[in-house]
């Protein structure tokens, strides 16, 4: 704000209103992951960690990376996952 030598009136309006919006329903995640078994290159919906492990096997971070662990954690916290099992082009 500028300071004036002559008399004047100035005002500053500070609006601290914040609008918070929350998601409703079950949070959903799309995840592409590698695993030891499962259907290749097809999207499948999972709603429980047990269902994911049944169809894809236990997550193995050393062999397949972290994404399968992320899916299991998401499902443990009552989310829903649309998962896509990836395979390498030269996989046998």
Protein backbone atom coordinates (compact mmCIF):
# COMPACT_ATOMS: atom_id res chain seq x y z
CA UNK A 1 0.00 0.00 0.00
CA UNK A 2 1.19 3.47 -0.79
CA UNK A 3 1.53 6.12 1.89
CA UNK A 4 -0.02 9.44 0.92
CA UNK A 5 0.98 12.87 2.17
CA UNK A 6 -2.61 14.15 1.93
CA UNK A 7 -5.50 12.74 3.96
CA UNK A 8 -6.96 9.58 2.45
CA UNK A 9 -8.78 6.41 3.32
CA UNK A 10 -7.62 3.03 2.10
CA UNK A 11 -8.74 -0.44 2.98
CA UNK A 12 -7.53 -3.98 2.36
CA UNK A 13 -9.92 -6.91 2.22
CA UNK A 14 -8.45 -10.25 3.23
CA UNK A 15 -10.73 -13.17 2.55
CA UNK A 16 -9.66 -16.23 4.51
CA UNK A 17 -12.67 -18.33 3.55
CA UNK A 18 -11.67 -21.83 2.56
CA UNK A 19 -13.99 -24.32 0.99
CA UNK A 20 -13.25 -27.93 1.85
CA UNK A 21 -14.76 -30.64 -0.25
CA UNK A 22 -14.70 -34.26 0.72
CA UNK A 23 -15.01 -37.27 -1.51
CA UNK A 24 -18.08 -39.36 -1.05
CA UNK A 25 -18.27 -43.06 -1.64
CA UNK A 26 -15.42 -45.52 -1.87
CA UNK A 27 -12.09 -44.07 -3.05
CA UNK A 28 -10.93 -45.74 -6.24
CA UNK A 29 -7.42 -46.41 -7.55
CA UNK A 30 -6.18 -47.54 -10.93
CA UNK A 31 -2.95 -49.49 -10.57
CA UNK A 32 -0.77 -51.25 -13.12
CA UNK A 33 1.43 -53.84 -11.42
CA UNK A 34 3.59 -56.91 -11.97
CA UNK A 35 2.82 -60.19 -10.21
CA UNK A 36 3.64 -63.87 -10.38
CA UNK A 37 0.22 -65.02 -11.52
CA UNK A 38 -3.06 -63.61 -12.76
CA UNK A 39 -4.78 -62.57 -15.98
CA UNK A 40 -2.48 -60.61 -18.31
CA UNK A 41 -3.36 -57.14 -19.59
CA UNK A 42 -6.99 -57.07 -18.47
CA UNK A 43 -8.44 -54.64 -15.98
CA UNK A 44 -10.04 -56.27 -12.97
CA UNK A 45 -11.85 -54.74 -9.98
CA UNK A 46 -10.69 -55.73 -6.49
CA UNK A 47 -12.46 -54.81 -3.26
CA UNK A 48 -10.53 -56.74 -0.58
CA UNK A 49 -6.84 -57.54 -0.03
CA UNK A 50 -7.68 -61.24 0.20
CA UNK A 51 -9.30 -61.15 -3.25
CA UNK A 52 -6.24 -59.43 -4.76
CA UNK A 53 -3.83 -61.93 -3.16
CA UNK A 54 -6.00 -64.89 -4.24
CA UNK A 55 -5.87 -63.89 -7.91
CA UNK A 56 -2.33 -62.43 -8.06
CA UNK A 57 -0.35 -64.13 -5.30
CA UNK A 58 1.53 -62.54 -2.41
CA UNK A 59 3.31 -59.28 -3.32
CA UNK A 60 7.07 -59.76 -3.78
CA UNK A 61 8.87 -56.42 -3.67
CA UNK A 62 12.28 -57.87 -4.53
CA UNK A 63 10.99 -59.53 -7.68
CA UNK A 64 8.09 -57.34 -8.89
CA UNK A 65 8.46 -53.95 -7.21
CA UNK A 66 6.29 -51.99 -4.79
CA UNK A 67 3.05 -51.45 -6.69
CA UNK A 68 1.39 -54.69 -5.53
CA UNK A 69 2.07 -53.63 -1.92
CA UNK A 70 0.44 -50.28 -2.66
CA UNK A 71 -2.65 -52.08 -3.97
CA UNK A 72 -2.88 -54.28 -0.85
CA UNK A 73 -2.52 -51.23 1.43
CA UNK A 74 -5.19 -49.34 -0.52
CA UNK A 75 -7.58 -52.28 -0.21
CA UNK A 76 -6.77 -52.71 3.50
CA UNK A 77 -7.92 -49.12 4.04
CA UNK A 78 -11.28 -49.91 2.42
CA UNK A 79 -10.58 -48.54 -1.03
CA UNK A 80 -11.39 -50.10 -4.36
CA UNK A 81 -8.82 -50.94 -7.03
CA UNK A 82 -9.03 -51.33 -10.76
CA UNK A 83 -5.90 -53.36 -11.37
CA UNK A 84 -4.05 -54.18 -14.56
CA UNK A 85 -1.44 -56.94 -14.42
CA UNK A 86 1.48 -56.13 -16.68
CA UNK A 87 3.83 -58.56 -18.38
CA UNK A 88 7.00 -57.96 -20.31
CA UNK A 89 6.83 -58.42 -24.08
CA UNK A 90 9.42 -61.19 -23.89
CA UNK A 91 7.80 -63.03 -20.95
CA UNK A 92 7.26 -66.76 -21.32
